[in-house]
N, C-alpha and C. Protein backbone atom coordinates (compact mmCIF):
# COMPACT_ATOMS: atom_id res chain seq x y z
N UNK A 1 97.49 138.40 131.72
CA UNK A 1 97.82 137.90 130.62
C UNK A 1 96.69 137.19 129.87
N UNK A 2 96.48 137.40 128.45
CA UNK A 2 95.18 136.94 127.66
C UNK A 2 95.44 135.47 127.67
N UNK A 3 94.44 134.87 127.62
CA UNK A 3 94.34 133.13 127.46
C UNK A 3 94.63 133.02 126.11
N UNK A 4 95.17 131.77 125.81
CA UNK A 4 95.39 131.33 124.35
C UNK A 4 93.98 131.08 123.62
N UNK A 5 93.01 130.64 124.37
CA UNK A 5 91.69 130.45 123.81
C UNK A 5 91.00 132.00 123.29
N UNK A 6 91.29 132.97 124.27
CA UNK A 6 90.72 134.27 123.43
C UNK A 6 91.49 134.86 122.43
N UNK A 7 92.95 134.51 122.51
CA UNK A 7 93.69 135.01 121.49
C UNK A 7 93.19 134.39 120.10
N UNK A 8 93.10 133.06 120.22
CA UNK A 8 92.60 132.40 118.89
C UNK A 8 91.26 132.83 118.55
N UNK A 9 90.34 132.93 119.24
CA UNK A 9 89.12 133.26 118.79
C UNK A 9 88.87 134.92 118.58
N UNK A 10 89.77 135.59 119.02
CA UNK A 10 89.56 136.96 118.72
C UNK A 10 90.35 137.26 117.50
N UNK A 11 90.98 136.55 116.83
CA UNK A 11 91.90 136.68 115.55
C UNK A 11 90.78 136.89 114.44
N UNK A 12 91.02 137.92 113.88
CA UNK A 12 90.08 138.04 112.59
C UNK A 12 90.38 137.02 111.54
N UNK A 13 89.63 136.68 110.78
CA UNK A 13 89.77 135.58 109.44
C UNK A 13 89.95 136.76 108.70
N UNK A 14 90.88 136.30 107.56
CA UNK A 14 91.21 137.14 106.36
C UNK A 14 89.83 137.16 105.49
N UNK A 15 89.62 138.10 104.76
CA UNK A 15 88.55 138.43 103.85
C UNK A 15 88.73 137.38 102.62
N UNK A 16 89.89 137.13 102.28
CA UNK A 16 90.10 136.25 101.23
C UNK A 16 91.29 135.46 101.49
N UNK A 17 91.37 134.17 101.00
CA UNK A 17 92.45 133.23 101.13
C UNK A 17 93.22 132.93 99.74
N UNK A 18 94.26 133.20 99.66
CA UNK A 18 95.15 132.91 98.37
C UNK A 18 95.39 131.67 98.09
N UNK A 19 94.93 130.99 97.12
CA UNK A 19 95.17 129.68 96.72
C UNK A 19 96.46 129.56 95.94
N UNK A 20 97.44 128.63 96.40
CA UNK A 20 98.68 128.36 95.94
C UNK A 20 98.70 127.13 95.11
N UNK A 21 99.15 127.30 93.73
CA UNK A 21 98.92 125.99 93.05
C UNK A 21 99.71 124.89 93.85
N UNK A 22 100.90 124.73 94.25
CA UNK A 22 101.80 123.75 94.94
C UNK A 22 102.68 124.49 95.74
N UNK A 23 102.31 124.61 97.06
CA UNK A 23 103.42 125.34 97.81
C UNK A 23 104.51 124.54 98.27
N UNK A 24 104.54 123.22 98.37
CA UNK A 24 105.65 122.45 98.84
C UNK A 24 105.52 121.20 97.93
N UNK A 25 106.79 120.67 97.45
CA UNK A 25 106.59 119.41 96.82
C UNK A 25 105.94 118.18 97.57
N UNK A 26 104.98 117.57 96.83
CA UNK A 26 104.27 116.50 97.34
C UNK A 26 104.49 115.37 96.59
N UNK A 27 104.79 114.15 97.32
CA UNK A 27 104.89 112.77 96.68
C UNK A 27 103.33 112.23 96.93
N UNK A 28 102.85 111.97 95.63
CA UNK A 28 101.46 111.33 95.77
C UNK A 28 101.61 109.62 96.35
N UNK A 29 100.55 109.28 96.68
CA UNK A 29 100.69 107.78 97.05
C UNK A 29 101.02 107.04 95.99
N UNK A 30 100.58 107.16 94.82
CA UNK A 30 100.88 106.61 93.45
C UNK A 30 102.43 106.58 93.40
N UNK A 31 102.86 107.80 93.32
CA UNK A 31 104.25 108.09 93.04
C UNK A 31 105.17 107.30 93.90
N UNK A 32 104.91 107.45 95.39
CA UNK A 32 105.52 106.66 96.20
C UNK A 32 105.62 105.09 96.23
N UNK A 33 104.33 104.60 95.77
CA UNK A 33 104.19 103.19 95.51
C UNK A 33 105.01 102.64 94.17
N UNK A 34 105.13 103.57 93.21
CA UNK A 34 105.88 103.48 92.25
C UNK A 34 107.47 103.35 92.32
N UNK A 35 107.69 104.24 93.29
CA UNK A 35 109.16 104.36 93.45
C UNK A 35 109.89 103.46 94.56
N UNK A 36 108.85 102.67 95.06
CA UNK A 36 109.34 101.62 96.02
C UNK A 36 109.08 100.26 95.68
N UNK A 37 108.42 99.99 94.58
CA UNK A 37 108.25 98.52 94.42
C UNK A 37 109.46 97.97 93.53
N UNK A 38 109.44 96.58 93.46
CA UNK A 38 110.59 96.17 92.90
C UNK A 38 110.46 96.28 91.53
N UNK A 39 111.91 96.36 90.82
CA UNK A 39 111.83 96.52 89.36
C UNK A 39 110.95 95.35 88.54
N UNK A 40 110.21 95.85 87.63
CA UNK A 40 109.28 94.92 86.86
C UNK A 40 108.12 94.60 87.60
N UNK A 41 107.71 95.25 88.59
CA UNK A 41 106.30 95.07 89.26
C UNK A 41 105.40 96.12 88.52
N UNK A 42 104.34 95.50 88.19
CA UNK A 42 103.32 96.28 87.49
C UNK A 42 102.47 96.98 88.28
N UNK A 43 102.40 98.14 88.18
CA UNK A 43 101.46 98.92 89.24
C UNK A 43 100.30 99.32 88.32
N UNK A 44 99.06 99.06 88.81
CA UNK A 44 97.76 99.40 87.98
C UNK A 44 97.16 100.50 88.85
N UNK A 45 96.62 101.57 87.80
CA UNK A 45 96.08 102.76 88.40
C UNK A 45 94.71 102.79 87.90
N UNK A 46 93.73 103.12 88.58
CA UNK A 46 92.44 103.41 88.19
C UNK A 46 91.77 104.23 89.22
N UNK A 47 91.41 105.57 88.95
CA UNK A 47 91.02 106.64 89.83
C UNK A 47 89.61 106.18 90.42
N UNK A 48 88.61 105.73 89.76
CA UNK A 48 87.47 105.36 90.42
C UNK A 48 86.51 106.37 90.53
N UNK A 49 86.63 107.33 91.33
CA UNK A 49 85.87 108.43 91.46
C UNK A 49 86.37 109.59 91.97
N UNK A 50 85.99 111.08 91.90
CA UNK A 50 86.30 111.80 92.49
C UNK A 50 86.18 111.98 94.02
N UNK A 51 86.72 113.18 94.79
CA UNK A 51 86.58 113.03 96.31
C UNK A 51 84.96 113.61 96.40
N UNK A 52 84.58 114.67 95.79
CA UNK A 52 82.95 115.04 96.14
C UNK A 52 81.88 114.45 95.08
N UNK A 53 82.44 114.06 93.76
CA UNK A 53 81.71 113.89 92.88
C UNK A 53 80.41 112.75 92.82
N UNK A 54 79.42 112.65 92.06
CA UNK A 54 78.61 111.87 92.11
C UNK A 54 78.69 110.72 91.01
N UNK A 55 79.62 110.93 90.20
CA UNK A 55 79.73 110.01 89.04
C UNK A 55 80.29 108.65 89.50
N UNK A 56 79.91 107.78 88.66
CA UNK A 56 80.28 106.31 88.92
C UNK A 56 81.04 105.75 87.67
N UNK A 57 81.24 106.64 86.71
CA UNK A 57 81.75 106.16 85.52
C UNK A 57 83.00 105.44 85.73
N UNK A 58 83.91 105.79 86.46
CA UNK A 58 85.19 105.12 86.79
C UNK A 58 85.32 103.83 87.62
N UNK A 59 83.84 103.36 88.05
CA UNK A 59 83.84 102.20 89.00
C UNK A 59 84.09 100.98 88.32
N UNK A 60 83.64 100.56 87.09
CA UNK A 60 84.04 99.45 86.60
C UNK A 60 85.57 99.10 86.32
N UNK A 61 86.10 100.23 85.74
CA UNK A 61 87.74 100.16 85.61
C UNK A 61 88.40 99.96 86.90
N UNK A 62 88.00 100.59 87.82
CA UNK A 62 88.72 100.62 89.27
C UNK A 62 88.47 99.31 89.82
N UNK A 63 87.19 98.63 89.84
CA UNK A 63 86.89 97.37 90.36
C UNK A 63 87.81 96.35 89.53
N UNK A 64 87.84 96.48 88.10
CA UNK A 64 88.53 95.36 87.37
C UNK A 64 89.93 95.46 87.79
N UNK A 65 90.34 96.52 88.04
CA UNK A 65 92.02 96.73 88.32
C UNK A 65 92.29 96.10 89.66
N UNK A 66 91.29 96.36 90.70
CA UNK A 66 91.68 95.62 91.94
C UNK A 66 91.41 94.13 91.82
N UNK A 67 90.65 93.50 90.80
CA UNK A 67 90.53 92.02 90.61
C UNK A 67 91.65 91.58 90.11
N UNK A 68 92.38 92.11 89.18
CA UNK A 68 93.61 91.81 88.40
C UNK A 68 94.89 91.85 89.34
N UNK A 69 94.74 92.58 90.28
CA UNK A 69 95.86 92.87 91.25
C UNK A 69 96.24 91.87 92.35
N UNK A 70 97.22 91.32 92.66
CA UNK A 70 97.77 90.84 93.88
C UNK A 70 97.31 91.48 95.14
N UNK A 71 97.56 92.90 95.18
CA UNK A 71 97.30 93.68 96.32
C UNK A 71 96.65 94.83 95.73
N UNK A 72 95.52 95.29 96.36
CA UNK A 72 94.93 96.71 96.03
C UNK A 72 94.95 97.77 97.20
N UNK A 73 95.31 98.84 96.83
CA UNK A 73 95.65 100.04 97.72
C UNK A 73 94.43 101.11 97.43
N UNK A 74 93.60 101.23 98.34
CA UNK A 74 92.46 102.13 97.93
C UNK A 74 92.83 103.41 98.75
N UNK A 75 92.78 104.58 97.95
CA UNK A 75 93.12 105.79 98.66
C UNK A 75 91.84 106.68 98.54
N UNK A 76 91.14 106.93 99.91
CA UNK A 76 89.88 107.38 99.97
C UNK A 76 90.07 108.66 101.00
N UNK A 77 88.97 109.41 100.99
CA UNK A 77 88.92 110.31 102.16
C UNK A 77 88.62 111.64 101.68
N UNK A 78 88.99 112.66 102.43
CA UNK A 78 88.63 114.14 102.48
C UNK A 78 89.78 114.93 101.51
N UNK A 79 89.70 116.06 101.23
CA UNK A 79 90.43 117.01 100.68
C UNK A 79 90.58 118.08 101.91
N UNK A 80 91.58 118.11 102.57
CA UNK A 80 91.76 119.08 103.85
C UNK A 80 92.08 120.54 103.28
N UNK A 81 91.44 121.63 103.67
CA UNK A 81 91.87 123.08 103.44
C UNK A 81 90.83 123.95 103.70
N UNK A 82 91.26 125.08 103.60
CA UNK A 82 90.16 126.29 103.72
C UNK A 82 89.46 126.81 102.54
N UNK A 83 89.81 126.16 101.22
CA UNK A 83 89.25 126.98 100.14
C UNK A 83 88.21 126.21 99.48
N UNK A 84 87.51 126.65 98.66
CA UNK A 84 86.30 126.02 98.03
C UNK A 84 86.81 124.30 97.52
N UNK A 85 85.96 123.57 97.58
CA UNK A 85 86.06 122.13 97.26
C UNK A 85 86.82 121.26 98.33
N UNK A 86 87.13 121.98 99.60
CA UNK A 86 87.71 121.35 100.42
C UNK A 86 86.60 120.63 101.49
N UNK A 87 86.83 119.43 102.02
CA UNK A 87 85.85 118.67 102.79
C UNK A 87 86.12 118.47 104.11
N UNK A 88 87.33 119.00 104.69
CA UNK A 88 87.72 119.03 105.93
C UNK A 88 88.80 119.92 106.33
N UNK A 89 88.97 120.22 107.62
CA UNK A 89 89.69 121.41 107.99
C UNK A 89 89.04 122.30 108.89
N UNK A 90 90.05 123.43 109.05
CA UNK A 90 89.09 124.71 109.86
C UNK A 90 87.78 125.02 109.16
N UNK A 91 86.87 125.14 110.08
CA UNK A 91 85.52 125.56 109.61
C UNK A 91 84.87 124.70 108.54
N UNK A 92 85.30 123.46 108.66
CA UNK A 92 84.68 122.53 107.74
C UNK A 92 84.04 121.18 108.60
N UNK A 93 83.34 121.53 109.58
CA UNK A 93 82.68 120.57 110.37
C UNK A 93 81.76 119.53 109.47
N UNK A 94 81.75 118.39 110.00
CA UNK A 94 80.74 117.41 109.27
C UNK A 94 80.09 116.70 110.34
N UNK A 95 78.78 116.46 110.00
CA UNK A 95 77.91 115.78 110.91
C UNK A 95 78.00 114.33 110.95
N UNK A 96 78.57 113.66 109.82
CA UNK A 96 78.75 112.27 109.63
C UNK A 96 80.16 111.90 109.38
N UNK A 97 80.69 110.87 109.71
CA UNK A 97 82.11 110.48 109.71
C UNK A 97 82.24 109.70 108.19
N UNK A 98 81.26 109.48 107.53
CA UNK A 98 81.47 108.56 106.36
C UNK A 98 82.24 109.17 105.25
N UNK A 99 82.65 108.53 104.08
CA UNK A 99 83.33 109.14 103.10
C UNK A 99 82.46 109.97 102.34
N UNK A 100 82.97 111.08 101.83
CA UNK A 100 82.22 111.92 101.11
C UNK A 100 81.95 111.56 99.62
N UNK A 101 81.06 111.91 98.80
CA UNK A 101 80.78 111.47 97.46
C UNK A 101 80.26 110.19 97.26
N UNK A 102 80.69 109.52 96.42
CA UNK A 102 80.51 108.04 96.19
C UNK A 102 81.47 107.18 96.41
N UNK A 103 82.49 107.61 97.22
CA UNK A 103 83.89 106.89 97.56
C UNK A 103 83.35 105.49 98.41
N UNK A 104 82.25 105.58 99.16
CA UNK A 104 82.15 104.56 100.16
C UNK A 104 81.35 103.51 99.20
N UNK A 105 80.58 103.78 98.21
CA UNK A 105 79.94 102.89 97.49
C UNK A 105 81.04 102.23 96.60
N UNK A 106 82.01 102.90 96.13
CA UNK A 106 82.98 102.30 95.40
C UNK A 106 83.95 101.28 96.37
N UNK A 107 84.10 101.69 97.61
CA UNK A 107 84.77 100.69 98.36
C UNK A 107 84.18 99.56 98.50
N UNK A 108 82.74 99.40 98.59
CA UNK A 108 81.91 98.16 98.91
C UNK A 108 81.80 97.35 97.70
N UNK A 109 82.34 97.88 96.52
CA UNK A 109 82.05 97.05 95.39
C UNK A 109 83.29 96.08 95.53
């Protein structure tokens, strides 16, 4: 019987991967927070930066939103997947474990 390892590594990758706009219903972190806070609670949102971009244009607004809030929730990280623009997942190895783009700089502010 062929080993699982040889089955996995001998499986050919497809030439193309079809991107699907939204294959399943997803609740974003922001939607989840808004749906679970008490009525009358103000939820302040400021994106700050993109996953991979180097723009710091949203930093000031995000930092000010965090200062105004009683609680700040920072959602940072990678974009998992196999398609262009993804930063983690199959065949997306990284040498460093830091946050991609300028996210870490934003967190430190």
